[in-house]
Amino acid sequence: MPYANQPQVHLTELSDENVKFVIEDTDLSMANAVRRIFIAEVPTLAIDWVQLEANSSVLHDEFIAHRVGLIPLTSDEIVDRMQYSRDCTCAEFCADCAIELTLDV
């Protein structure tokens, strides 16, 4: 039986921002599953819609929009107050379901 041993978890550091721990006596797939669960459960914001006013670069608008969407955003307490745009009752975007960012270069 491959999972006969019970995994051992030892906390090495615990704070409001981070948790560090060591998992022993388990398979690598189990450790990877725990890692993926942590990533999925952390609330995040993502850039979903990009509007370019003028593009004088050699890069296509879609490429720039994709690259902007890859920028990690710090959200702190904003995510807890927001609701999903699919659950919001507004017609387009409002302060409850969207954040507007402006980049002026």
PDB file of N, CA and C in Angstrom:
ATOM      1  N   MET A   1       0.835  -1.180   0.000  1.00  0.00           N
ATOM      2  CA  MET A   1       0.000   0.000   0.000  1.00  0.00           C
ATOM      3  C   MET A   1       0.881   1.245   0.000  1.00  0.00           C
ATOM      4  N   PRO A   2       0.854   2.081  -1.064  1.00  0.00           N
ATOM      5  CA  PRO A   2       1.794   3.197  -1.155  1.00  0.00           C
ATOM      6  C   PRO A   2       1.537   4.310  -0.136  1.00  0.00           C
ATOM      7  N   TYR A   3       0.326   4.497   0.342  1.00  0.00           N
ATOM      8  CA  TYR A   3       0.030   5.570   1.289  1.00  0.00           C
ATOM      9  C   TYR A   3      -0.216   5.030   2.692  1.00  0.00           C
ATOM     10  N   ALA A   4       0.459   3.954   3.050  1.00  0.00           N
ATOM     11  CA  ALA A   4       0.281   3.363   4.377  1.00  0.00           C
ATOM     12  C   ALA A   4       0.825   4.292   5.457  1.00  0.00           C
ATOM     13  N   ASN A   5       1.919   5.005   5.168  1.00  0.00           N
ATOM     14  CA  ASN A   5       2.464   5.948   6.142  1.00  0.00           C
ATOM     15  C   ASN A   5       1.652   7.231   6.130  1.00  0.00           C
ATOM     16  N   GLN A   6       1.382   7.744   7.290  1.00  0.00           N
ATOM     17  CA  GLN A   6       0.695   9.022   7.394  1.00  0.00           C
ATOM     18  C   GLN A   6       1.709  10.141   7.229  1.00  0.00           C
ATOM     19  N   PRO A   7       1.424  11.127   6.397  1.00  0.00           N
ATOM     20  CA  PRO A   7       2.384  12.221   6.222  1.00  0.00           C
ATOM     21  C   PRO A   7       2.547  13.018   7.510  1.00  0.00           C
ATOM     22  N   GLN A   8       3.756  13.492   7.730  1.00  0.00           N
ATOM     23  CA  GLN A   8       4.064  14.323   8.890  1.00  0.00           C
ATOM     24  C   GLN A   8       4.244  15.760   8.397  1.00  0.00           C
ATOM     25  N   VAL A   9       3.590  16.705   9.048  1.00  0.00           N
ATOM     26  CA  VAL A   9       3.693  18.114   8.691  1.00  0.00           C
ATOM     27  C   VAL A   9       4.265  18.859   9.881  1.00  0.00           C
ATOM     28  N   HIS A  10       5.362  19.577   9.658  1.00  0.00           N
ATOM     29  CA  HIS A  10       6.012  20.361  10.701  1.00  0.00           C
ATOM     30  C   HIS A  10       6.037  21.822  10.267  1.00  0.00           C
ATOM     31  N   LEU A  11       5.400  22.693  11.049  1.00  0.00           N
ATOM     32  CA  LEU A  11       5.428  24.127  10.752  1.00  0.00           C
ATOM     33  C   LEU A  11       6.762  24.696  11.200  1.00  0.00           C
ATOM     34  N   THR A  12       7.426  25.415  10.293  1.00  0.00           N
ATOM     35  CA  THR A  12       8.695  26.057  10.635  1.00  0.00           C
ATOM     36  C   THR A  12       8.537  27.554  10.818  1.00  0.00           C
ATOM     37  N   GLU A  13       7.530  28.152  10.158  1.00  0.00           N
ATOM     38  CA  GLU A  13       7.286  29.585  10.297  1.00  0.00           C
ATOM     39  C   GLU A  13       5.824  29.863  10.007  1.00  0.00           C
ATOM     40  N   LEU A  14       5.207  30.717  10.826  1.00  0.00           N
ATOM     41  CA  LEU A  14       3.803  31.072  10.643  1.00  0.00           C
ATOM     42  C   LEU A  14       3.640  32.554  10.940  1.00  0.00           C
ATOM     43  N   SER A  15       3.133  33.303   9.949  1.00  0.00           N
ATOM     44  CA  SER A  15       2.878  34.725  10.131  1.00  0.00           C
ATOM     45  C   SER A  15       1.579  35.069   9.399  1.00  0.00           C
ATOM     46  N   ASP A  16       1.218  36.355   9.417  1.00  0.00           N
ATOM     47  CA  ASP A  16       0.006  36.776   8.714  1.00  0.00           C
ATOM     48  C   ASP A  16       0.147  36.661   7.206  1.00  0.00           C
ATOM     49  N   GLU A  17       1.366  36.741   6.704  1.00  0.00           N
ATOM     50  CA  GLU A  17       1.612  36.724   5.269  1.00  0.00           C
ATOM     51  C   GLU A  17       2.109  35.382   4.735  1.00  0.00           C
ATOM     52  N   ASN A  18       2.835  34.611   5.544  1.00  0.00           N
ATOM     53  CA  ASN A  18       3.492  33.394   5.058  1.00  0.00           C
ATOM     54  C   ASN A  18       3.315  32.242   6.031  1.00  0.00           C
ATOM     55  N   VAL A  19       3.411  31.057   5.476  1.00  0.00           N
ATOM     56  CA  VAL A  19       3.512  29.848   6.279  1.00  0.00           C
ATOM     57  C   VAL A  19       4.570  28.960   5.618  1.00  0.00           C
ATOM     58  N   LYS A  20       5.499  28.496   6.410  1.00  0.00           N
ATOM     59  CA  LYS A  20       6.525  27.579   5.914  1.00  0.00           C
ATOM     60  C   LYS A  20       6.396  26.281   6.702  1.00  0.00           C
ATOM     61  N   PHE A  21       6.462  25.171   5.973  1.00  0.00           N
ATOM     62  CA  PHE A  21       6.301  23.874   6.610  1.00  0.00           C
ATOM     63  C   PHE A  21       7.093  22.827   5.859  1.00  0.00           C
ATOM     64  N   VAL A  22       7.288  21.699   6.504  1.00  0.00           N
ATOM     65  CA  VAL A  22       7.990  20.562   5.918  1.00  0.00           C
ATOM     66  C   VAL A  22       7.035  19.376   5.943  1.00  0.00           C
ATOM     67  N   ILE A  23       6.865  18.728   4.806  1.00  0.00           N
ATOM     68  CA  ILE A  23       6.044  17.512   4.707  1.00  0.00           C
ATOM     69  C   ILE A  23       6.984  16.329   4.565  1.00  0.00           C
ATOM     70  N   GLU A  24       6.820  15.349   5.421  1.00  0.00           N
ATOM     71  CA  GLU A  24       7.657  14.147   5.382  1.00  0.00           C
ATOM     72  C   GLU A  24       6.772  12.905   5.278  1.00  0.00           C
ATOM     73  N   ASP A  25       7.388  11.819   4.876  1.00  0.00           N
ATOM     74  CA  ASP A  25       6.718  10.513   4.779  1.00  0.00           C
ATOM     75  C   ASP A  25       5.508  10.537   3.847  1.00  0.00           C
ATOM     76  N   THR A  26       5.680  11.146   2.694  1.00  0.00           N
ATOM     77  CA  THR A  26       4.608  11.151   1.714  1.00  0.00           C
ATOM     78  C   THR A  26       5.204  11.122   0.315  1.00  0.00           C
ATOM     79  N   ASP A  27       4.359  10.891  -0.638  1.00  0.00           N
ATOM     80  CA  ASP A  27       4.754  10.831  -2.034  1.00  0.00           C
ATOM     81  C   ASP A  27       4.868  12.247  -2.599  1.00  0.00           C
ATOM     82  N   LEU A  28       5.663  12.412  -3.635  1.00  0.00           N
ATOM     83  CA  LEU A  28       5.828  13.710  -4.265  1.00  0.00           C
ATOM     84  C   LEU A  28       4.511  14.218  -4.850  1.00  0.00           C
ATOM     85  N   SER A  29       3.669  13.320  -5.341  1.00  0.00           N
ATOM     86  CA  SER A  29       2.384  13.737  -5.906  1.00  0.00           C
ATOM     87  C   SER A  29       1.479  14.335  -4.838  1.00  0.00           C
ATOM     88  N   MET A  30       1.561  13.855  -3.618  1.00  0.00           N
ATOM     89  CA  MET A  30       0.755  14.414  -2.529  1.00  0.00           C
ATOM     90  C   MET A  30       1.236  15.820  -2.178  1.00  0.00           C
ATOM     91  N   ALA A  31       2.542  16.025  -2.134  1.00  0.00           N
ATOM     92  CA  ALA A  31       3.093  17.352  -1.859  1.00  0.00           C
ATOM     93  C   ALA A  31       2.710  18.319  -2.977  1.00  0.00           C
ATOM     94  N   ASN A  32       2.721  17.869  -4.212  1.00  0.00           N
ATOM     95  CA  ASN A  32       2.335  18.712  -5.335  1.00  0.00           C
ATOM     96  C   ASN A  32       0.847  19.055  -5.263  1.00  0.00           C
ATOM     97  N   ALA A  33       0.022  18.115  -4.834  1.00  0.00           N
ATOM     98  CA  ALA A  33      -1.412  18.380  -4.690  1.00  0.00           C
ATOM     99  C   ALA A  33      -1.660  19.448  -3.635  1.00  0.00           C
ATOM    100  N   VAL A  34      -0.949  19.395  -2.527  1.00  0.00           N
ATOM    101  CA  VAL A  34      -1.072  20.412  -1.477  1.00  0.00           C
ATOM    102  C   VAL A  34      -0.639  21.774  -2.019  1.00  0.00           C
ATOM    103  N   ARG A  35       0.446  21.808  -2.776  1.00  0.00           N
ATOM    104  CA  ARG A  35       0.925  23.063  -3.371  1.00  0.00           C
ATOM    105  C   ARG A  35      -0.123  23.657  -4.303  1.00  0.00           C
ATOM    106  N   ARG A  36      -0.728  22.825  -5.128  1.00  0.00           N
ATOM    107  CA  ARG A  36      -1.735  23.306  -6.072  1.00  0.00           C
ATOM    108  C   ARG A  36      -2.996  23.808  -5.365  1.00  0.00           C
ATOM    109  N   ILE A  37      -3.362  23.169  -4.266  1.00  0.00           N
ATOM    110  CA  ILE A  37      -4.517  23.625  -3.487  1.00  0.00           C
ATOM    111  C   ILE A  37      -4.242  24.999  -2.895  1.00  0.00           C
ATOM    112  N   PHE A  38      -3.041  25.197  -2.363  1.00  0.00           N
ATOM    113  CA  PHE A  38      -2.685  26.507  -1.815  1.00  0.00           C
ATOM    114  C   PHE A  38      -2.743  27.586  -2.885  1.00  0.00           C
ATOM    115  N   ILE A  39      -2.234  27.304  -4.060  1.00  0.00           N
ATOM    116  CA  ILE A  39      -2.249  28.283  -5.147  1.00  0.00           C
ATOM    117  C   ILE A  39      -3.686  28.611  -5.549  1.00  0.00           C
ATOM    118  N   ALA A  40      -4.545  27.602  -5.611  1.00  0.00           N
ATOM    119  CA  ALA A  40      -5.927  27.811  -6.035  1.00  0.00           C
ATOM    120  C   ALA A  40      -6.740  28.586  -5.004  1.00  0.00           C
ATOM    121  N   GLU A  41      -6.403  28.472  -3.739  1.00  0.00           N
ATOM    122  CA  GLU A  41      -7.195  29.092  -2.686  1.00  0.00           C
ATOM    123  C   GLU A  41      -6.763  30.504  -2.338  1.00  0.00           C
ATOM    124  N   VAL A  42      -5.654  30.978  -2.883  1.00  0.00           N
ATOM    125  CA  VAL A  42      -5.213  32.343  -2.608  1.00  0.00           C
ATOM    126  C   VAL A  42      -5.999  33.291  -3.503  1.00  0.00           C
ATOM    127  N   PRO A  43      -6.716  34.270  -2.917  1.00  0.00           N
ATOM    128  CA  PRO A  43      -7.480  35.190  -3.749  1.00  0.00           C
ATOM    129  C   PRO A  43      -6.561  36.102  -4.558  1.00  0.00           C
ATOM    130  N   THR A  44      -6.861  36.243  -5.830  1.00  0.00           N
ATOM    131  CA  THR A  44      -6.018  37.049  -6.714  1.00  0.00           C
ATOM    132  C   THR A  44      -6.884  37.914  -7.622  1.00  0.00           C
ATOM    133  N   LEU A  45      -6.265  38.914  -8.182  1.00  0.00           N
ATOM    134  CA  LEU A  45      -6.884  39.744  -9.211  1.00  0.00           C
ATOM    135  C   LEU A  45      -6.162  39.498 -10.518  1.00  0.00           C
ATOM    136  N   ALA A  46      -6.893  39.602 -11.608  1.00  0.00           N
ATOM    137  CA  ALA A  46      -6.274  39.432 -12.920  1.00  0.00           C
ATOM    138  C   ALA A  46      -6.812  40.493 -13.868  1.00  0.00           C
ATOM    139  N   ILE A  47      -5.972  40.926 -14.781  1.00  0.00           N
ATOM    140  CA  ILE A  47      -6.402  41.874 -15.809  1.00  0.00           C
ATOM    141  C   ILE A  47      -7.164  41.089 -16.864  1.00  0.00           C
ATOM    142  N   ASP A  48      -8.411  41.470 -17.073  1.00  0.00           N
ATOM    143  CA  ASP A  48      -9.294  40.712 -17.948  1.00  0.00           C
ATOM    144  C   ASP A  48      -9.583  41.450 -19.256  1.00  0.00           C
ATOM    145  N   TRP A  49      -9.641  42.745 -19.214  1.00  0.00           N
ATOM    146  CA  TRP A  49     -10.020  43.519 -20.394  1.00  0.00           C
ATOM    147  C   TRP A  49      -9.054  44.685 -20.540  1.00  0.00           C
ATOM    148  N   VAL A  50      -8.449  44.823 -21.714  1.00  0.00           N
ATOM    149  CA  VAL A  50      -7.462  45.872 -21.987  1.00  0.00           C
ATOM    150  C   VAL A  50      -7.948  46.676 -23.181  1.00  0.00           C
ATOM    151  N   GLN A  51      -7.941  47.993 -23.020  1.00  0.00           N
ATOM    152  CA  GLN A  51      -8.303  48.891 -24.116  1.00  0.00           C
ATOM    153  C   GLN A  51      -7.111  49.783 -24.399  1.00  0.00           C
ATOM    154  N   LEU A  52      -6.602  49.716 -25.614  1.00  0.00           N
ATOM    155  CA  LEU A  52      -5.470  50.539 -26.024  1.00  0.00           C
ATOM    156  C   LEU A  52      -5.993  51.722 -26.833  1.00  0.00           C
ATOM    157  N   GLU A  53      -5.596  52.921 -26.436  1.00  0.00           N
ATOM    158  CA  GLU A  53      -6.026  54.131 -27.148  1.00  0.00           C
ATOM    159  C   GLU A  53      -5.214  54.318 -28.427  1.00  0.00           C
ATOM    160  N   ALA A  54      -3.890  54.192 -28.318  1.00  0.00           N
ATOM    161  CA  ALA A  54      -3.017  54.355 -29.487  1.00  0.00           C
ATOM    162  C   ALA A  54      -1.808  53.447 -29.290  1.00  0.00           C
ATOM    163  N   ASN A  55      -1.432  52.756 -30.351  1.00  0.00           N
ATOM    164  CA  ASN A  55      -0.295  51.851 -30.292  1.00  0.00           C
ATOM    165  C   ASN A  55       0.642  52.193 -31.446  1.00  0.00           C
ATOM    166  N   SER A  56       1.764  52.811 -31.118  1.00  0.00           N
ATOM    167  CA  SER A  56       2.729  53.162 -32.156  1.00  0.00           C
ATOM    168  C   SER A  56       3.933  52.218 -32.157  1.00  0.00           C
ATOM    169  N   SER A  57       3.841  51.142 -31.392  1.00  0.00           N
ATOM    170  CA  SER A  57       4.948  50.195 -31.323  1.00  0.00           C
ATOM    171  C   SER A  57       4.825  49.155 -32.430  1.00  0.00           C
ATOM    172  N   VAL A  58       5.837  48.306 -32.524  1.00  0.00           N
ATOM    173  CA  VAL A  58       5.806  47.239 -33.529  1.00  0.00           C
ATOM    174  C   VAL A  58       5.028  46.019 -33.021  1.00  0.00           C
ATOM    175  N   LEU A  59       4.604  46.051 -31.770  1.00  0.00           N
ATOM    176  CA  LEU A  59       3.882  44.925 -31.175  1.00  0.00           C
ATOM    177  C   LEU A  59       2.384  45.059 -31.432  1.00  0.00           C
ATOM    178  N   HIS A  60       1.723  43.930 -31.693  1.00  0.00           N
ATOM    179  CA  HIS A  60       0.288  43.925 -31.915  1.00  0.00           C
ATOM    180  C   HIS A  60      -0.448  44.210 -30.616  1.00  0.00           C
ATOM    181  N   ASP A  61      -1.646  44.775 -30.727  1.00  0.00           N
ATOM    182  CA  ASP A  61      -2.461  45.086 -29.553  1.00  0.00           C
ATOM    183  C   ASP A  61      -2.739  43.842 -28.714  1.00  0.00           C
ATOM    184  N   GLU A  62      -3.027  42.724 -29.369  1.00  0.00           N
ATOM    185  CA  GLU A  62      -3.333  41.490 -28.654  1.00  0.00           C
ATOM    186  C   GLU A  62      -2.135  40.992 -27.849  1.00  0.00           C
ATOM    187  N   PHE A  63      -0.948  41.160 -28.407  1.00  0.00           N
ATOM    188  CA  PHE A  63       0.267  40.744 -27.711  1.00  0.00           C
ATOM    189  C   PHE A  63       0.482  41.600 -26.463  1.00  0.00           C
ATOM    190  N   ILE A  64       0.302  42.904 -26.604  1.00  0.00           N
ATOM    191  CA  ILE A  64       0.455  43.803 -25.456  1.00  0.00           C
ATOM    192  C   ILE A  64      -0.592  43.478 -24.391  1.00  0.00           C
ATOM    193  N   ALA A  65      -1.836  43.259 -24.799  1.00  0.00           N
ATOM    194  CA  ALA A  65      -2.899  42.926 -23.848  1.00  0.00           C
ATOM    195  C   ALA A  65      -2.586  41.630 -23.113  1.00  0.00           C
ATOM    196  N   HIS A  66      -2.067  40.652 -23.828  1.00  0.00           N
ATOM    197  CA  HIS A  66      -1.700  39.381 -23.199  1.00  0.00           C
ATOM    198  C   HIS A  66      -0.588  39.581 -22.181  1.00  0.00           C
ATOM    199  N   ARG A  67       0.431  40.341 -22.540  1.00  0.00           N
ATOM    200  CA  ARG A  67       1.559  40.583 -21.627  1.00  0.00           C
ATOM    201  C   ARG A  67       1.124  41.371 -20.397  1.00  0.00           C
ATOM    202  N   VAL A  68       0.236  42.331 -20.570  1.00  0.00           N
ATOM    203  CA  VAL A  68      -0.280  43.088 -19.428  1.00  0.00           C
ATOM    204  C   VAL A  68      -1.073  42.162 -18.506  1.00  0.00           C
ATOM    205  N   GLY A  69      -1.791  41.219 -19.087  1.00  0.00           N
ATOM    206  CA  GLY A  69      -2.552  40.259 -18.286  1.00  0.00           C
ATOM    207  C   GLY A  69      -1.681  39.343 -17.454  1.00  0.00           C
ATOM    208  N   LEU A  70      -0.405  39.226 -17.781  1.00  0.00           N
ATOM    209  CA  LEU A  70       0.512  38.381 -17.024  1.00  0.00           C
ATOM    210  C   LEU A  70       1.144  39.093 -15.823  1.00  0.00           C
ATOM    211  N   ILE A  71       0.877  40.387 -15.680  1.00  0.00           N
ATOM    212  CA  ILE A  71       1.462  41.146 -14.568  1.00  0.00           C
ATOM    213  C   ILE A  71       0.784  40.734 -13.268  1.00  0.00           C
ATOM    214  N   PRO A  72       1.562  40.316 -12.272  1.00  0.00           N
ATOM    215  CA  PRO A  72       0.939  39.966 -10.984  1.00  0.00           C
ATOM    216  C   PRO A  72       0.509  41.230 -10.249  1.00  0.00           C
ATOM    217  N   LEU A  73      -0.690  41.210  -9.715  1.00  0.00           N
ATOM    218  CA  LEU A  73      -1.230  42.357  -9.000  1.00  0.00           C
ATOM    219  C   LEU A  73      -1.332  42.035  -7.514  1.00  0.00           C
ATOM    220  N   THR A  74      -0.885  42.954  -6.685  1.00  0.00           N
ATOM    221  CA  THR A  74      -1.099  42.789  -5.252  1.00  0.00           C
ATOM    222  C   THR A  74      -2.488  43.302  -4.932  1.00  0.00           C
ATOM    223  N   SER A  75      -3.217  42.557  -4.134  1.00  0.00           N
ATOM    224  CA  SER A  75      -4.607  42.898  -3.907  1.00  0.00           C
ATOM    225  C   SER A  75      -4.931  43.187  -2.453  1.00  0.00           C
ATOM    226  N   ASP A  76      -4.129  42.716  -1.518  1.00  0.00           N
ATOM    227  CA  ASP A  76      -4.333  42.917  -0.088  1.00  0.00           C
ATOM    228  C   ASP A  76      -5.789  42.694   0.314  1.00  0.00           C
ATOM    229  N   GLU A  77      -6.505  43.745   0.658  1.00  0.00           N
ATOM    230  CA  GLU A  77      -7.868  43.581   1.169  1.00  0.00           C
ATOM    231  C   GLU A  77      -8.951  43.813   0.113  1.00  0.00           C
ATOM    232  N   ILE A  78      -8.575  44.165  -1.091  1.00  0.00           N
ATOM    233  CA  ILE A  78      -9.554  44.480  -2.137  1.00  0.00           C
ATOM    234  C   ILE A  78     -10.346  43.240  -2.542  1.00  0.00           C
ATOM    235  N   VAL A  79      -9.678  42.109  -2.637  1.00  0.00           N
ATOM    236  CA  VAL A  79     -10.336  40.893  -3.119  1.00  0.00           C
ATOM    237  C   VAL A  79     -11.475  40.476  -2.199  1.00  0.00           C
ATOM    238  N   ASP A  80     -11.304  40.661  -0.897  1.00  0.00           N
ATOM    239  CA  ASP A  80     -12.347  40.263   0.043  1.00  0.00           C
ATOM    240  C   ASP A  80     -13.624  41.083  -0.128  1.00  0.00           C
ATOM    241  N   ARG A  81     -13.497  42.330  -0.586  1.00  0.00           N
ATOM    242  CA  ARG A  81     -14.666  43.198  -0.740  1.00  0.00           C
ATOM    243  C   ARG A  81     -15.318  43.069  -2.108  1.00  0.00           C
ATOM    244  N   MET A  82     -14.623  42.518  -3.081  1.00  0.00           N
ATOM    245  CA  MET A  82     -15.156  42.447  -4.442  1.00  0.00           C
ATOM    246  C   MET A  82     -16.040  41.220  -4.633  1.00  0.00           C
ATOM    247  N   GLN A  83     -16.884  41.304  -5.645  1.00  0.00           N
ATOM    248  CA  GLN A  83     -17.658  40.144  -6.046  1.00  0.00           C
ATOM    249  C   GLN A  83     -17.350  39.836  -7.508  1.00  0.00           C
ATOM    250  N   TYR A  84     -17.631  38.612  -7.909  1.00  0.00           N
ATOM    251  CA  TYR A  84     -17.378  38.224  -9.293  1.00  0.00           C
ATOM    252  C   TYR A  84     -18.265  39.036 -10.224  1.00  0.00           C
ATOM    253  N   SER A  85     -17.736  39.375 -11.397  1.00  0.00           N
ATOM    254  CA  SER A  85     -18.526  40.153 -12.353  1.00  0.00           C
ATOM    255  C   SER A  85     -19.759  39.372 -12.808  1.00  0.00           C
ATOM    256  N   ARG A  86     -19.678  38.055 -12.821  1.00  0.00           N
ATOM    257  CA  ARG A  86     -20.841  37.255 -13.213  1.00  0.00           C
ATOM    258  C   ARG A  86     -21.945  37.298 -12.162  1.00  0.00           C
ATOM    259  N   ASP A  87     -21.592  37.621 -10.906  1.00  0.00           N
ATOM    260  CA  ASP A  87     -22.580  37.685  -9.828  1.00  0.00           C
ATOM    261  C   ASP A  87     -23.090  39.104  -9.582  1.00  0.00           C
ATOM    262  N   CYS A  88     -22.456  40.083 -10.195  1.00  0.00           N
ATOM    263  CA  CYS A  88     -22.834  41.478  -9.970  1.00  0.00           C
ATOM    264  C   CYS A  88     -24.075  41.813 -10.803  1.00  0.00           C
ATOM    265  N   THR A  89     -24.918  42.696 -10.271  1.00  0.00           N
ATOM    266  CA  THR A  89     -26.162  43.053 -10.955  1.00  0.00           C
ATOM    267  C   THR A  89     -26.025  44.283 -11.837  1.00  0.00           C
ATOM    268  N   CYS A  90     -24.823  44.849 -11.945  1.00  0.00           N
ATOM    269  CA  CYS A  90     -24.634  46.049 -12.772  1.00  0.00           C
ATOM    270  C   CYS A  90     -24.668  45.681 -14.254  1.00  0.00           C
ATOM    271  N   ALA A  91     -24.862  46.706 -15.089  1.00  0.00           N
ATOM    272  CA  ALA A  91     -24.958  46.477 -16.538  1.00  0.00           C
ATOM    273  C   ALA A  91     -23.600  46.172 -17.161  1.00  0.00           C
ATOM    274  N   GLU A  92     -22.564  46.903 -16.784  1.00  0.00           N
ATOM    275  CA  GLU A  92     -21.234  46.705 -17.352  1.00  0.00           C
ATOM    276  C   GLU A  92     -20.237  46.404 -16.240  1.00  0.00           C
ATOM    277  N   PHE A  93     -19.588  47.450 -15.750  1.00  0.00           N
ATOM    278  CA  PHE A  93     -18.626  47.327 -14.669  1.00  0.00           C
ATOM    279  C   PHE A  93     -18.950  48.376 -13.613  1.00  0.00           C
ATOM    280  N   CYS A  94     -18.763  48.034 -12.366  1.00  0.00           N
ATOM    281  CA  CYS A  94     -18.984  48.983 -11.275  1.00  0.00           C
ATOM    282  C   CYS A  94     -17.872  48.803 -10.242  1.00  0.00           C
ATOM    283  N   ALA A  95     -17.900  49.608  -9.198  1.00  0.00           N
ATOM    284  CA  ALA A  95     -16.851  49.546  -8.170  1.00  0.00           C
ATOM    285  C   ALA A  95     -16.901  48.258  -7.362  1.00  0.00           C
ATOM    286  N   ASP A  96     -18.027  47.537  -7.413  1.00  0.00           N
ATOM    287  CA  ASP A  96     -18.139  46.286  -6.656  1.00  0.00           C
ATOM    288  C   ASP A  96     -17.512  45.102  -7.379  1.00  0.00           C
ATOM    289  N   CYS A  97     -17.402  45.185  -8.722  1.00  0.00           N
ATOM    290  CA  CYS A  97     -16.930  44.022  -9.471  1.00  0.00           C
ATOM    291  C   CYS A  97     -15.741  44.319 -10.374  1.00  0.00           C
ATOM    292  N   ALA A  98     -15.251  45.548 -10.398  1.00  0.00           N
ATOM    293  CA  ALA A  98     -14.160  45.884 -11.310  1.00  0.00           C
ATOM    294  C   ALA A  98     -13.262  46.952 -10.698  1.00  0.00           C
ATOM    295  N   ILE A  99     -12.042  46.962 -11.168  1.00  0.00           N
ATOM    296  CA  ILE A  99     -11.065  47.986 -10.807  1.00  0.00           C
ATOM    297  C   ILE A  99     -10.506  48.537 -12.118  1.00  0.00           C
ATOM    298  N   GLU A 100     -10.456  49.841 -12.227  1.00  0.00           N
ATOM    299  CA  GLU A 100      -9.928  50.455 -13.445  1.00  0.00           C
ATOM    300  C   GLU A 100      -8.516  50.951 -13.181  1.00  0.00           C
ATOM    301  N   LEU A 101      -7.591  50.515 -14.007  1.00  0.00           N
ATOM    302  CA  LEU A 101      -6.198  50.941 -13.925  1.00  0.00           C
ATOM    303  C   LEU A 101      -5.845  51.682 -15.216  1.00  0.00           C
ATOM    304  N   THR A 102      -5.063  52.740 -15.083  1.00  0.00           N
ATOM    305  CA  THR A 102      -4.638  53.512 -16.247  1.00  0.00           C
ATOM    306  C   THR A 102      -3.117  53.519 -16.308  1.00  0.00           C
ATOM    307  N   LEU A 103      -2.586  53.206 -17.463  1.00  0.00           N
ATOM    308  CA  LEU A 103      -1.152  53.217 -17.689  1.00  0.00           C
ATOM    309  C   LEU A 103      -0.850  54.294 -18.716  1.00  0.00           C
ATOM    310  N   ASP A 104      -0.083  55.275 -18.308  1.00  0.00           N
ATOM    311  CA  ASP A 104       0.237  56.389 -19.190  1.00  0.00           C
ATOM    312  C   ASP A 104       1.741  56.373 -19.454  1.00  0.00           C
ATOM    313  N   VAL A 105       2.114  55.994 -20.670  1.00  0.00           N
ATOM    314  CA  VAL A 105       3.545  55.945 -21.024  1.00  0.00           C
ATOM    315  C   VAL A 105       3.821  56.808 -22.232  1.00  0.00           C
TER     316      VAL A 105
END
